[in-house]
PDB file of N, CA and C in Angstrom:
ATOM      1  N   MET A   1      -4.675   1.967  13.235  1.00  0.00           N
ATOM      2  CA  MET A   1      -5.539   1.173  12.444  1.00  0.00           C
ATOM      3  C   MET A   1      -7.038   0.575  13.392  1.00  0.00           C
ATOM      4  N   GLN A   2      -6.620   0.201  14.688  1.00  0.00           N
ATOM      5  CA  GLN A   2      -7.459  -0.458  15.538  1.00  0.00           C
ATOM      6  C   GLN A   2      -8.456   1.426  15.775  1.00  0.00           C
ATOM      7  N   THR A   3      -7.115   1.937  16.633  1.00  0.00           N
ATOM      8  CA  THR A   3      -8.051   3.156  17.178  1.00  0.00           C
ATOM      9  C   THR A   3      -9.410   3.538  16.434  1.00  0.00           C
ATOM     10  N   LEU A   4      -8.581   3.984  14.951  1.00  0.00           N
ATOM     11  CA  LEU A   4      -9.540   4.291  14.018  1.00  0.00           C
ATOM     12  C   LEU A   4     -10.861   3.969  13.823  1.00  0.00           C
ATOM     13  N   GLN A   5     -10.751   2.401  13.829  1.00  0.00           N
ATOM     14  CA  GLN A   5     -11.867   1.807  13.835  1.00  0.00           C
ATOM     15  C   GLN A   5     -13.045   1.731  15.395  1.00  0.00           C
ATOM     16  N   ARG A   6     -12.208   2.025  15.575  1.00  0.00           N
ATOM     17  CA  ARG A   6     -13.259   2.055  17.140  1.00  0.00           C
ATOM     18  C   ARG A   6     -13.613   3.185  17.242  1.00  0.00           C
ATOM     19  N   GLY A   7     -13.202   4.182  16.230  1.00  0.00           N
ATOM     20  CA  GLY A   7     -13.527   5.220  16.836  1.00  0.00           C
ATOM     21  C   GLY A   7     -15.183   6.166  15.942  1.00  0.00           C
ATOM     22  N   THR A   8     -15.230   7.286  16.260  1.00  0.00           N
ATOM     23  CA  THR A   8     -16.371   7.749  15.370  1.00  0.00           C
ATOM     24  C   THR A   8     -16.292   7.362  14.238  1.00  0.00           C
ATOM     25  N   PRO A   9     -17.938   8.032  13.078  1.00  0.00           N
ATOM     26  CA  PRO A   9     -17.936   7.854  12.186  1.00  0.00           C
ATOM     27  C   PRO A   9     -16.936   7.509  11.746  1.00  0.00           C
ATOM     28  N   GLU A  10     -16.751   9.009  11.254  1.00  0.00           N
ATOM     29  CA  GLU A  10     -15.466   9.535   9.933  1.00  0.00           C
ATOM     30  C   GLU A  10     -14.093   8.806  10.326  1.00  0.00           C
ATOM     31  N   MET A  11     -14.192   8.505  11.668  1.00  0.00           N
ATOM     32  CA  MET A  11     -12.485   7.591  11.799  1.00  0.00           C
ATOM     33  C   MET A  11     -12.763   6.311  11.295  1.00  0.00           C
ATOM     34  N   LYS A  12     -14.233   5.742  11.116  1.00  0.00           N
ATOM     35  CA  LYS A  12     -14.348   4.449  10.844  1.00  0.00           C
ATOM     36  C   LYS A  12     -14.546   4.473   9.233  1.00  0.00           C
ATOM     37  N   ARG A  13     -14.582   5.246   8.762  1.00  0.00           N
ATOM     38  CA  ARG A  13     -14.457   5.625   7.045  1.00  0.00           C
ATOM     39  C   ARG A  13     -13.560   5.900   6.610  1.00  0.00           C
ATOM     40  N   GLN A  14     -12.523   6.748   7.401  1.00  0.00           N
ATOM     41  CA  GLN A  14     -10.935   7.014   7.323  1.00  0.00           C
ATOM     42  C   GLN A  14     -10.625   5.544   7.118  1.00  0.00           C
ATOM     43  N   ALA A  15     -10.414   4.716   8.634  1.00  0.00           N
ATOM     44  CA  ALA A  15      -9.981   3.384   8.441  1.00  0.00           C
ATOM     45  C   ALA A  15     -10.099   2.741   7.534  1.00  0.00           C
ATOM     46  N   GLU A  16     -11.541   2.618   6.491  1.00  0.00           N
ATOM     47  CA  GLU A  16     -12.094   2.016   5.343  1.00  0.00           C
ATOM     48  C   GLU A  16     -11.493   2.367   4.222  1.00  0.00           C
ATOM     49  N   SER A  17     -11.274   3.672   4.360  1.00  0.00           N
ATOM     50  CA  SER A  17     -10.093   4.175   2.984  1.00  0.00           C
ATOM     51  C   SER A  17      -9.002   3.643   3.223  1.00  0.00           C
ATOM     52  N   LEU A  18      -8.282   3.476   4.198  1.00  0.00           N
ATOM     53  CA  LEU A  18      -6.954   3.253   4.135  1.00  0.00           C
ATOM     54  C   LEU A  18      -6.648   1.810   4.090  1.00  0.00           C
ATOM     55  N   ARG A  19      -7.589   1.141   4.441  1.00  0.00           N
ATOM     56  CA  ARG A  19      -7.398   0.035   4.435  1.00  0.00           C
ATOM     57  C   ARG A  19      -7.997  -0.778   2.695  1.00  0.00           C
ATOM     58  N   MET A  20      -9.006   0.050   2.018  1.00  0.00           N
ATOM     59  CA  MET A  20      -8.936  -0.182   0.587  1.00  0.00           C
ATOM     60  C   MET A  20      -7.627   0.507   0.324  1.00  0.00           C
ATOM     61  N   GLN A  21      -7.150   0.693   0.378  1.00  0.00           N
ATOM     62  CA  GLN A  21      -5.765   1.737  -0.905  1.00  0.00           C
ATOM     63  C   GLN A  21      -5.135   0.746  -0.031  1.00  0.00           C
ATOM     64  N   ARG A  22      -4.440   0.151   0.838  1.00  0.00           N
ATOM     65  CA  ARG A  22      -3.673  -1.061   1.172  1.00  0.00           C
ATOM     66  C   ARG A  22      -3.791  -2.247  -0.177  1.00  0.00           C
ATOM     67  N   GLN A  23      -5.371  -2.455   0.163  1.00  0.00           N
ATOM     68  CA  GLN A  23      -5.656  -3.618  -0.822  1.00  0.00           C
ATOM     69  C   GLN A  23      -5.010  -3.590  -2.304  1.00  0.00           C
ATOM     70  N   PHE A  24      -5.416  -2.238  -2.730  1.00  0.00           N
ATOM     71  CA  PHE A  24      -5.662  -1.643  -3.930  1.00  0.00           C
ATOM     72  C   PHE A  24      -3.897  -1.998  -4.134  1.00  0.00           C
ATOM     73  N   VAL A  25      -3.601  -1.369  -3.416  1.00  0.00           N
ATOM     74  CA  VAL A  25      -1.944  -1.655  -3.994  1.00  0.00           C
ATOM     75  C   VAL A  25      -1.752  -3.153  -3.923  1.00  0.00           C
ATOM     76  N   GLU A  26      -1.996  -4.194  -2.781  1.00  0.00           N
ATOM     77  CA  GLU A  26      -1.501  -5.347  -2.954  1.00  0.00           C
ATOM     78  C   GLU A  26      -1.874  -5.971  -4.441  1.00  0.00           C
ATOM     79  N   ASP A  27      -3.346  -5.548  -4.569  1.00  0.00           N
ATOM     80  CA  ASP A  27      -3.426  -6.511  -5.736  1.00  0.00           C
ATOM     81  C   ASP A  27      -2.913  -5.871  -7.181  1.00  0.00           C
ATOM     82  N   LEU A  28      -1.936  -4.541  -6.927  1.00  0.00           N
ATOM     83  CA  LEU A  28      -1.694  -4.445  -8.049  1.00  0.00           C
ATOM     84  C   LEU A  28      -0.330  -5.368  -8.088  1.00  0.00           C
ATOM     85  N   LYS A  29       0.062  -5.229  -7.284  1.00  0.00           N
ATOM     86  CA  LYS A  29       1.286  -6.065  -6.805  1.00  0.00           C
ATOM     87  C   LYS A  29       1.538  -7.475  -7.347  1.00  0.00           C
ATOM     88  N   ILE A  30      -0.327  -8.174  -7.203  1.00  0.00           N
ATOM     89  CA  ILE A  30      -0.152  -9.416  -7.799  1.00  0.00           C
ATOM     90  C   ILE A  30      -0.508  -9.788  -8.892  1.00  0.00           C
ATOM     91  N   LEU A  31      -0.794  -8.715  -9.277  1.00  0.00           N
ATOM     92  CA  LEU A  31      -1.660  -8.238 -10.805  1.00  0.00           C
ATOM     93  C   LEU A  31       0.127  -8.254 -11.979  1.00  0.00           C
ATOM     94  N   MET A  32       1.226  -7.644 -11.389  1.00  0.00           N
ATOM     95  CA  MET A  32       2.158  -7.322 -11.674  1.00  0.00           C
ATOM     96  C   MET A  32       2.468  -8.871 -11.860  1.00  0.00           C
ATOM     97  N   GLN A  33       3.298  -9.514  -9.907  1.00  0.00           N
ATOM     98  CA  GLN A  33       3.896 -10.465 -10.028  1.00  0.00           C
ATOM     99  C   GLN A  33       3.287 -11.405 -11.083  1.00  0.00           C
ATOM    100  N   GLU A  34       1.862 -11.336 -11.596  1.00  0.00           N
ATOM    101  CA  GLU A  34       1.207 -12.520 -12.126  1.00  0.00           C
ATOM    102  C   GLU A  34       1.685 -12.266 -14.044  1.00  0.00           C
ATOM    103  N   ALA A  35       1.846 -11.334 -14.259  1.00  0.00           N
ATOM    104  CA  ALA A  35       2.068 -11.060 -15.613  1.00  0.00           C
ATOM    105  C   ALA A  35       3.928 -11.288 -16.187  1.00  0.00           C
ATOM    106  N   THR A  36       4.504 -10.547 -14.958  1.00  0.00           N
ATOM    107  CA  THR A  36       5.831 -11.109 -15.147  1.00  0.00           C
ATOM    108  C   THR A  36       6.262 -12.289 -15.035  1.00  0.00           C
ATOM    109  N   ASN A  37       5.667 -13.543 -14.017  1.00  0.00           N
ATOM    110  CA  ASN A  37       5.495 -15.106 -14.417  1.00  0.00           C
ATOM    111  C   ASN A  37       5.280 -15.382 -15.360  1.00  0.00           C
ATOM    112  N   LYS A  38       4.377 -15.043 -16.179  1.00  0.00           N
ATOM    113  CA  LYS A  38       3.532 -15.592 -17.129  1.00  0.00           C
ATOM    114  C   LYS A  38       5.511 -16.083 -18.232  1.00  0.00           C
ATOM    115  N   HIS A  39       5.634 -14.855 -18.458  1.00  0.00           N
ATOM    116  CA  HIS A  39       6.314 -14.730 -19.897  1.00  0.00           C
ATOM    117  C   HIS A  39       8.248 -14.129 -19.299  1.00  0.00           C
ATOM    118  N   SER A  40       9.349 -14.792 -20.199  1.00  0.00           N
ATOM    119  CA  SER A  40      10.250 -13.797 -19.904  1.00  0.00           C
ATOM    120  C   SER A  40      10.117 -12.590 -20.991  1.00  0.00           C
ATOM    121  N   ARG A  41       9.477 -12.509 -22.228  1.00  0.00           N
ATOM    122  CA  ARG A  41       9.645 -11.314 -23.000  1.00  0.00           C
ATOM    123  C   ARG A  41       8.946 -10.009 -22.541  1.00  0.00           C
ATOM    124  N   ARG A  42       9.290  -9.203 -22.625  1.00  0.00           N
ATOM    125  CA  ARG A  42       8.980  -7.586 -21.820  1.00  0.00           C
ATOM    126  C   ARG A  42       7.500  -7.806 -22.603  1.00  0.00           C
ATOM    127  N   ASP A  43       7.250  -8.242 -23.892  1.00  0.00           N
ATOM    128  CA  ASP A  43       6.334  -7.354 -24.645  1.00  0.00           C
ATOM    129  C   ASP A  43       5.102  -8.451 -24.267  1.00  0.00           C
ATOM    130  N   LEU A  44       5.851 -10.113 -24.530  1.00  0.00           N
ATOM    131  CA  LEU A  44       4.562 -10.859 -23.796  1.00  0.00           C
ATOM    132  C   LEU A  44       3.835 -10.236 -22.310  1.00  0.00           C
ATOM    133  N   ARG A  45       5.084 -10.221 -21.319  1.00  0.00           N
ATOM    134  CA  ARG A  45       4.561  -9.624 -20.259  1.00  0.00           C
ATOM    135  C   ARG A  45       3.680  -8.417 -20.456  1.00  0.00           C
ATOM    136  N   GLN A  46       3.950  -7.432 -20.742  1.00  0.00           N
ATOM    137  CA  GLN A  46       2.716  -6.592 -21.433  1.00  0.00           C
ATOM    138  C   GLN A  46       1.228  -6.770 -21.195  1.00  0.00           C
ATOM    139  N   ALA A  47       1.334  -7.767 -22.701  1.00  0.00           N
ATOM    140  CA  ALA A  47       0.090  -7.973 -22.758  1.00  0.00           C
ATOM    141  C   ALA A  47      -0.644  -9.052 -21.809  1.00  0.00           C
ATOM    142  N   ALA A  48       0.073  -9.906 -21.212  1.00  0.00           N
ATOM    143  CA  ALA A  48      -0.381 -10.419 -20.303  1.00  0.00           C
ATOM    144  C   ALA A  48      -0.750  -9.465 -19.322  1.00  0.00           C
ATOM    145  N   LEU A  49       0.164  -8.368 -18.962  1.00  0.00           N
ATOM    146  CA  LEU A  49      -0.590  -7.527 -17.559  1.00  0.00           C
ATOM    147  C   LEU A  49      -1.569  -6.669 -18.529  1.00  0.00           C
ATOM    148  N   CYS A  50      -1.727  -6.435 -19.413  1.00  0.00           N
ATOM    149  CA  CYS A  50      -3.044  -5.667 -20.111  1.00  0.00           C
ATOM    150  C   CYS A  50      -4.573  -6.732 -19.620  1.00  0.00           C
ATOM    151  N   THR A  51      -4.258  -7.793 -20.700  1.00  0.00           N
ATOM    152  CA  THR A  51      -5.429  -8.781 -19.673  1.00  0.00           C
ATOM    153  C   THR A  51      -5.908  -8.859 -18.700  1.00  0.00           C
ATOM    154  N   LEU A  52      -4.664  -9.205 -17.900  1.00  0.00           N
ATOM    155  CA  LEU A  52      -5.002  -9.283 -16.587  1.00  0.00           C
ATOM    156  C   LEU A  52      -6.110  -7.947 -15.971  1.00  0.00           C
ATOM    157  N   LEU A  53      -5.232  -7.190 -16.342  1.00  0.00           N
ATOM    158  CA  LEU A  53      -6.311  -5.591 -15.782  1.00  0.00           C
ATOM    159  C   LEU A  53      -7.596  -5.763 -16.682  1.00  0.00           C
ATOM    160  N   ASN A  54      -8.147  -5.991 -17.741  1.00  0.00           N
ATOM    161  CA  ASN A  54      -9.036  -6.033 -18.256  1.00  0.00           C
ATOM    162  C   ASN A  54      -9.795  -6.920 -17.775  1.00  0.00           C
ATOM    163  N   ASN A  55      -9.467  -8.131 -17.157  1.00  0.00           N
ATOM    164  CA  ASN A  55     -10.323  -8.920 -16.577  1.00  0.00           C
ATOM    165  C   ASN A  55     -10.374  -8.694 -14.913  1.00  0.00           C
ATOM    166  N   ALA A  56      -9.435  -7.867 -14.345  1.00  0.00           N
ATOM    167  CA  ALA A  56      -9.893  -7.770 -13.032  1.00  0.00           C
ATOM    168  C   ALA A  56     -10.940  -6.503 -12.888  1.00  0.00           C
ATOM    169  N   ARG A  57     -12.122  -6.928 -12.605  1.00  0.00           N
ATOM    170  CA  ARG A  57     -13.176  -5.751 -12.748  1.00  0.00           C
ATOM    171  C   ARG A  57     -13.123  -4.988 -11.615  1.00  0.00           C
ATOM    172  N   HIS A  58     -12.674  -5.355 -10.506  1.00  0.00           N
ATOM    173  CA  HIS A  58     -12.781  -4.582  -9.288  1.00  0.00           C
ATOM    174  C   HIS A  58     -11.192  -3.351  -9.755  1.00  0.00           C
ATOM    175  N   MET A  59     -10.076  -3.431 -10.282  1.00  0.00           N
ATOM    176  CA  MET A  59      -9.407  -2.462 -10.794  1.00  0.00           C
ATOM    177  C   MET A  59      -9.906  -1.509 -12.028  1.00  0.00           C
ATOM    178  N   LYS A  60     -11.010  -1.707 -12.893  1.00  0.00           N
ATOM    179  CA  LYS A  60     -11.687  -1.106 -13.650  1.00  0.00           C
ATOM    180  C   LYS A  60     -12.408  -0.216 -12.892  1.00  0.00           C
ATOM    181  N   GLU A  61     -13.720  -0.725 -11.779  1.00  0.00           N
ATOM    182  CA  GLU A  61     -14.008  -0.504 -10.437  1.00  0.00           C
ATOM    183  C   GLU A  61     -14.206   0.152  -9.411  1.00  0.00           C
ATOM    184  N   LEU A  62     -12.966   1.087  -9.718  1.00  0.00           N
ATOM    185  CA  LEU A  62     -12.740   1.942  -8.168  1.00  0.00           C
ATOM    186  C   LEU A  62     -13.204   2.828  -7.192  1.00  0.00           C
ATOM    187  N   ARG A  63     -14.928   3.346  -8.072  1.00  0.00           N
ATOM    188  CA  ARG A  63     -15.671   3.828  -7.096  1.00  0.00           C
ATOM    189  C   ARG A  63     -15.134   5.173  -6.235  1.00  0.00           C
ATOM    190  N   GLY A  64     -14.026   6.235  -6.996  1.00  0.00           N
ATOM    191  CA  GLY A  64     -14.116   7.184  -6.137  1.00  0.00           C
ATOM    192  C   GLY A  64     -13.014   6.523  -5.077  1.00  0.00           C
ATOM    193  N   LEU A  65     -12.446   6.052  -4.979  1.00  0.00           N
ATOM    194  CA  LEU A  65     -10.405   5.259  -4.010  1.00  0.00           C
ATOM    195  C   LEU A  65      -9.746   6.619  -4.428  1.00  0.00           C
ATOM    196  N   HIS A  66      -9.685   7.276  -2.837  1.00  0.00           N
ATOM    197  CA  HIS A  66      -8.467   7.728  -3.079  1.00  0.00           C
ATOM    198  C   HIS A  66      -7.125   7.089  -3.545  1.00  0.00           C
ATOM    199  N   LEU A  67      -6.087   7.848  -4.062  1.00  0.00           N
ATOM    200  CA  LEU A  67      -4.941   6.989  -4.137  1.00  0.00           C
ATOM    201  C   LEU A  67      -3.755   7.667  -3.348  1.00  0.00           C
ATOM    202  N   PRO A  68      -3.161   6.363  -2.511  1.00  0.00           N
ATOM    203  CA  PRO A  68      -2.328   6.133  -1.919  1.00  0.00           C
ATOM    204  C   PRO A  68      -1.248   7.636  -2.130  1.00  0.00           C
ATOM    205  N   LEU A  69      -1.008   7.710  -3.507  1.00  0.00           N
ATOM    206  CA  LEU A  69       0.104   8.548  -3.315  1.00  0.00           C
ATOM    207  C   LEU A  69      -0.587  10.268  -3.220  1.00  0.00           C
ATOM    208  N   ASP A  70      -1.221  10.061  -3.548  1.00  0.00           N
ATOM    209  CA  ASP A  70      -2.180  11.758  -3.641  1.00  0.00           C
ATOM    210  C   ASP A  70      -3.603  11.422  -3.281  1.00  0.00           C
ATOM    211  N   PRO A  71      -3.654  11.686  -1.749  1.00  0.00           N
ATOM    212  CA  PRO A  71      -5.603  11.278  -1.419  1.00  0.00           C
ATOM    213  C   PRO A  71      -6.213  12.073  -2.104  1.00  0.00           C
ATOM    214  N   SER A  72      -6.013  13.372  -2.335  1.00  0.00           N
ATOM    215  CA  SER A  72      -6.467  14.148  -3.024  1.00  0.00           C
ATOM    216  C   SER A  72      -7.537  13.711  -4.611  1.00  0.00           C
ATOM    217  N   VAL A  73      -6.585  12.818  -5.335  1.00  0.00           N
ATOM    218  CA  VAL A  73      -7.500  12.284  -6.290  1.00  0.00           C
ATOM    219  C   VAL A  73      -7.714  11.087  -6.055  1.00  0.00           C
ATOM    220  N   ARG A  74      -9.592  10.996  -7.057  1.00  0.00           N
ATOM    221  CA  ARG A  74     -10.037  10.058  -6.411  1.00  0.00           C
ATOM    222  C   ARG A  74     -10.202   8.800  -7.493  1.00  0.00           C
ATOM    223  N   LEU A  75     -10.033   7.653  -7.885  1.00  0.00           N
ATOM    224  CA  LEU A  75      -9.713   7.259  -9.252  1.00  0.00           C
ATOM    225  C   LEU A  75     -11.084   5.978  -9.287  1.00  0.00           C
ATOM    226  N   ALA A  76     -11.828   6.402 -10.296  1.00  0.00           N
ATOM    227  CA  ALA A  76     -12.549   5.631 -10.794  1.00  0.00           C
ATOM    228  C   ALA A  76     -12.646   4.240 -11.647  1.00  0.00           C
ATOM    229  N   GLY A  77     -11.328   4.096 -12.181  1.00  0.00           N
ATOM    230  CA  GLY A  77     -10.904   2.681 -12.812  1.00  0.00           C
ATOM    231  C   GLY A  77      -9.181   2.888 -13.341  1.00  0.00           C
ATOM    232  N   VAL A  78      -8.685   1.165 -13.560  1.00  0.00           N
ATOM    233  CA  VAL A  78      -7.609   1.144 -14.632  1.00  0.00           C
ATOM    234  C   VAL A  78      -7.816   1.540 -15.834  1.00  0.00           C
ATOM    235  N   MET A  79      -7.279   2.488 -16.850  1.00  0.00           N
ATOM    236  CA  MET A  79      -7.061   2.225 -18.361  1.00  0.00           C
ATOM    237  C   MET A  79      -6.419   1.025 -18.629  1.00  0.00           C
ATOM    238  N   PRO A  80      -6.920  -0.579 -18.848  1.00  0.00           N
ATOM    239  CA  PRO A  80      -6.272  -1.117 -19.035  1.00  0.00           C
ATOM    240  C   PRO A  80      -5.155  -1.079 -20.027  1.00  0.00           C
ATOM    241  N   ASP A  81      -5.590  -0.819 -20.872  1.00  0.00           N
ATOM    242  CA  ASP A  81      -4.368  -1.058 -22.625  1.00  0.00           C
ATOM    243  C   ASP A  81      -3.983  -0.045 -22.604  1.00  0.00           C
ATOM    244  N   SER A  82      -3.279   0.692 -20.987  1.00  0.00           N
ATOM    245  CA  SER A  82      -2.432   1.887 -21.594  1.00  0.00           C
ATOM    246  C   SER A  82      -1.265   1.384 -20.521  1.00  0.00           C
ATOM    247  N   ALA A  83      -1.733   0.781 -19.938  1.00  0.00           N
ATOM    248  CA  ALA A  83      -0.344  -0.598 -18.997  1.00  0.00           C
ATOM    249  C   ALA A  83       0.562   0.185 -20.060  1.00  0.00           C
ATOM    250  N   VAL A  84       2.314   0.267 -19.542  1.00  0.00           N
ATOM    251  CA  VAL A  84       3.470  -0.292 -19.944  1.00  0.00           C
ATOM    252  C   VAL A  84       4.271  -0.952 -19.272  1.00  0.00           C
ATOM    253  N   LEU A  85       4.900  -1.852 -19.693  1.00  0.00           N
ATOM    254  CA  LEU A  85       5.785  -2.177 -19.083  1.00  0.00           C
ATOM    255  C   LEU A  85       7.333  -1.799 -19.324  1.00  0.00           C
ATOM    256  N   PHE A  86       7.833  -1.151 -18.310  1.00  0.00           N
ATOM    257  CA  PHE A  86       9.240  -1.158 -18.594  1.00  0.00           C
ATOM    258  C   PHE A  86      10.612  -1.821 -18.567  1.00  0.00           C
ATOM    259  N   ASN A  87      11.285  -1.610 -19.276  1.00  0.00           N
ATOM    260  CA  ASN A  87      12.845  -2.671 -19.485  1.00  0.00           C
ATOM    261  C   ASN A  87      13.349  -2.146 -18.593  1.00  0.00           C
ATOM    262  N   SER A  88      13.106  -2.777 -17.472  1.00  0.00           N
ATOM    263  CA  SER A  88      13.757  -2.460 -16.606  1.00  0.00           C
ATOM    264  C   SER A  88      14.378  -3.570 -15.362  1.00  0.00           C
ATOM    265  N   ALA A  89      15.114  -4.108 -15.046  1.00  0.00           N
ATOM    266  CA  ALA A  89      15.561  -5.278 -14.021  1.00  0.00           C
ATOM    267  C   ALA A  89      14.038  -5.580 -12.610  1.00  0.00           C
ATOM    268  N   MET A  90      13.582  -4.045 -12.502  1.00  0.00           N
ATOM    269  CA  MET A  90      12.698  -4.302 -11.505  1.00  0.00           C
ATOM    270  C   MET A  90      10.543  -4.262 -12.557  1.00  0.00           C
ATOM    271  N   MET A  91      11.380  -4.127 -13.531  1.00  0.00           N
ATOM    272  CA  MET A  91       9.869  -4.355 -14.311  1.00  0.00           C
ATOM    273  C   MET A  91       9.178  -2.975 -14.090  1.00  0.00           C
ATOM    274  N   PRO A  92       9.336  -1.592 -13.677  1.00  0.00           N
ATOM    275  CA  PRO A  92       8.061  -1.033 -13.343  1.00  0.00           C
ATOM    276  C   PRO A  92       6.835  -0.610 -14.633  1.00  0.00           C
ATOM    277  N   VAL A  93       6.225  -0.581 -14.042  1.00  0.00           N
ATOM    278  CA  VAL A  93       4.527  -0.383 -15.014  1.00  0.00           C
ATOM    279  C   VAL A  93       4.242   0.930 -15.055  1.00  0.00           C
ATOM    280  N   LYS A  94       3.793   1.930 -16.104  1.00  0.00           N
ATOM    281  CA  LYS A  94       2.974   2.962 -16.114  1.00  0.00           C
ATOM    282  C   LYS A  94       1.593   2.698 -16.387  1.00  0.00           C
ATOM    283  N   LEU A  95       0.926   3.095 -15.382  1.00  0.00           N
ATOM    284  CA  LEU A  95      -0.658   2.714 -15.503  1.00  0.00           C
ATOM    285  C   LEU A  95      -1.488   4.290 -15.244  1.00  0.00           C
ATOM    286  N   THR A  96      -2.522   4.105 -16.555  1.00  0.00           N
ATOM    287  CA  THR A  96      -3.657   5.517 -16.839  1.00  0.00           C
ATOM    288  C   THR A  96      -4.935   5.125 -15.820  1.00  0.00           C
ATOM    289  N   PHE A  97      -5.547   6.021 -15.012  1.00  0.00           N
ATOM    290  CA  PHE A  97      -6.298   5.732 -14.391  1.00  0.00           C
ATOM    291  C   PHE A  97      -7.168   7.148 -14.951  1.00  0.00           C
ATOM    292  N   LYS A  98      -8.897   6.422 -14.663  1.00  0.00           N
ATOM    293  CA  LYS A  98      -9.766   8.034 -15.015  1.00  0.00           C
ATOM    294  C   LYS A  98      -9.792   8.195 -13.308  1.00  0.00           C
ATOM    295  N   THR A  99     -10.027   9.747 -12.901  1.00  0.00           N
ATOM    296  CA  THR A  99     -10.971   9.890 -12.095  1.00  0.00           C
ATOM    297  C   THR A  99     -12.073  10.379 -12.018  1.00  0.00           C
ATOM    298  N   ILE A 100     -12.417  10.629 -10.899  1.00  0.00           N
ATOM    299  CA  ILE A 100     -13.446  11.548 -10.383  1.00  0.00           C
ATOM    300  C   ILE A 100     -13.126  13.127  -9.981  1.00  0.00           C
ATOM    301  N   THR A 101     -13.658  14.312 -10.465  1.00  0.00           N
ATOM    302  CA  THR A 101     -13.121  15.100  -9.902  1.00  0.00           C
ATOM    303  C   THR A 101     -14.685  15.747  -9.935  1.00  0.00           C
ATOM    304  N   GLY A 102     -15.576  15.788  -8.597  1.00  0.00           N
ATOM    305  CA  GLY A 102     -16.552  15.892  -8.744  1.00  0.00           C
ATOM    306  C   GLY A 102     -17.811  15.297  -9.881  1.00  0.00           C
ATOM    307  N   THR A 103     -18.449  16.371 -10.579  1.00  0.00           N
ATOM    308  CA  THR A 103     -19.157  14.885 -11.331  1.00  0.00           C
ATOM    309  C   THR A 103     -18.801  14.778 -12.540  1.00  0.00           C
ATOM    310  N   ASP A 104     -16.801  15.210 -12.722  1.00  0.00           N
ATOM    311  CA  ASP A 104     -16.382  14.729 -13.554  1.00  0.00           C
ATOM    312  C   ASP A 104     -15.635  13.473 -13.507  1.00  0.00           C
ATOM    313  N   THR A 105     -16.045  12.265 -14.923  1.00  0.00           N
ATOM    314  CA  THR A 105     -15.175  11.172 -14.619  1.00  0.00           C
ATOM    315  C   THR A 105     -14.018  11.029 -15.951  1.00  0.00           C
ATOM    316  N   ASN A 106     -13.916  12.071 -16.728  1.00  0.00           N
ATOM    317  CA  ASN A 106     -13.036  12.062 -17.720  1.00  0.00           C
ATOM    318  C   ASN A 106     -11.807  12.491 -17.774  1.00  0.00           C
ATOM    319  N   LYS A 107     -11.571  12.869 -16.684  1.00  0.00           N
ATOM    320  CA  LYS A 107     -10.220  12.992 -16.418  1.00  0.00           C
ATOM    321  C   LYS A 107      -9.391  12.150 -16.325  1.00  0.00           C
ATOM    322  N   GLU A 108      -7.822  12.169 -16.616  1.00  0.00           N
ATOM    323  CA  GLU A 108      -7.083  10.877 -16.518  1.00  0.00           C
ATOM    324  C   GLU A 108      -5.682  11.209 -15.276  1.00  0.00           C
ATOM    325  N   TYR A 109      -5.215  10.592 -14.833  1.00  0.00           N
ATOM    326  CA  TYR A 109      -4.175  10.574 -13.767  1.00  0.00           C
ATOM    327  C   TYR A 109      -2.852   9.675 -14.192  1.00  0.00           C
ATOM    328  N   THR A 110      -1.658   9.528 -14.541  1.00  0.00           N
ATOM    329  CA  THR A 110      -0.864   8.820 -15.284  1.00  0.00           C
ATOM    330  C   THR A 110      -0.316   8.633 -14.003  1.00  0.00           C
ATOM    331  N   LEU A 111       0.892   7.154 -13.753  1.00  0.00           N
ATOM    332  CA  LEU A 111       1.528   7.033 -12.524  1.00  0.00           C
ATOM    333  C   LEU A 111       2.671   6.171 -13.073  1.00  0.00           C
ATOM    334  N   ILE A 112       3.616   5.692 -12.183  1.00  0.00           N
ATOM    335  CA  ILE A 112       4.468   4.879 -12.700  1.00  0.00           C
ATOM    336  C   ILE A 112       4.672   4.113 -11.058  1.00  0.00           C
ATOM    337  N   PHE A 113       4.224   2.377 -11.089  1.00  0.00           N
ATOM    338  CA  PHE A 113       4.150   1.328  -9.955  1.00  0.00           C
ATOM    339  C   PHE A 113       5.156   0.463 -10.192  1.00  0.00           C
ATOM    340  N   LYS A 114       6.019   0.944  -8.941  1.00  0.00           N
ATOM    341  CA  LYS A 114       7.193  -0.362  -9.010  1.00  0.00           C
ATOM    342  C   LYS A 114       6.990  -0.996  -7.382  1.00  0.00           C
ATOM    343  N   GLN A 115       7.326  -1.988  -7.518  1.00  0.00           N
ATOM    344  CA  GLN A 115       7.598  -2.942  -6.383  1.00  0.00           C
ATOM    345  C   GLN A 115       9.199  -3.634  -6.485  1.00  0.00           C
ATOM    346  N   GLY A 116       9.267  -3.398  -4.860  1.00  0.00           N
ATOM    347  CA  GLY A 116      11.203  -3.774  -4.720  1.00  0.00           C
ATOM    348  C   GLY A 116      11.736  -2.792  -3.562  1.00  0.00           C
ATOM    349  N   ASP A 117      13.146  -2.971  -4.026  1.00  0.00           N
ATOM    350  CA  ASP A 117      13.476  -2.154  -2.805  1.00  0.00           C
ATOM    351  C   ASP A 117      14.870  -1.066  -3.644  1.00  0.00           C
ATOM    352  N   ASP A 118      14.778  -1.113  -4.505  1.00  0.00           N
ATOM    353  CA  ASP A 118      15.889  -0.243  -5.222  1.00  0.00           C
ATOM    354  C   ASP A 118      14.909   1.142  -5.794  1.00  0.00           C
ATOM    355  N   LEU A 119      14.436   1.494  -4.995  1.00  0.00           N
ATOM    356  CA  LEU A 119      13.754   2.648  -5.325  1.00  0.00           C
ATOM    357  C   LEU A 119      14.947   4.088  -4.560  1.00  0.00           C
TER     358      LEU A 119
END
């Protein structure tokens, strides 16, 4: 990372993109943890997650962030009300994002986000 940060302007942009992707994943982990810590029932956890995502302006305005899973996908923002927590010990969540492809921001990308070591 330090090599990228000291490199050419393109390398510096790449380093910043990677930093933002890492921060995005950390933010998702924090929001999921907050939602799961608030309630013991899955439906209440899901409602809490939707509320947290709705209140997390930075998650709704991702400004073309490259998706870490597939950097060819650029994210415009999360669609908070589409979040679904699965009934599993690790509480994975299905999230849908608006994406940016050229000038089109109406496409959607759905993924399952899970933290933990039982992958």
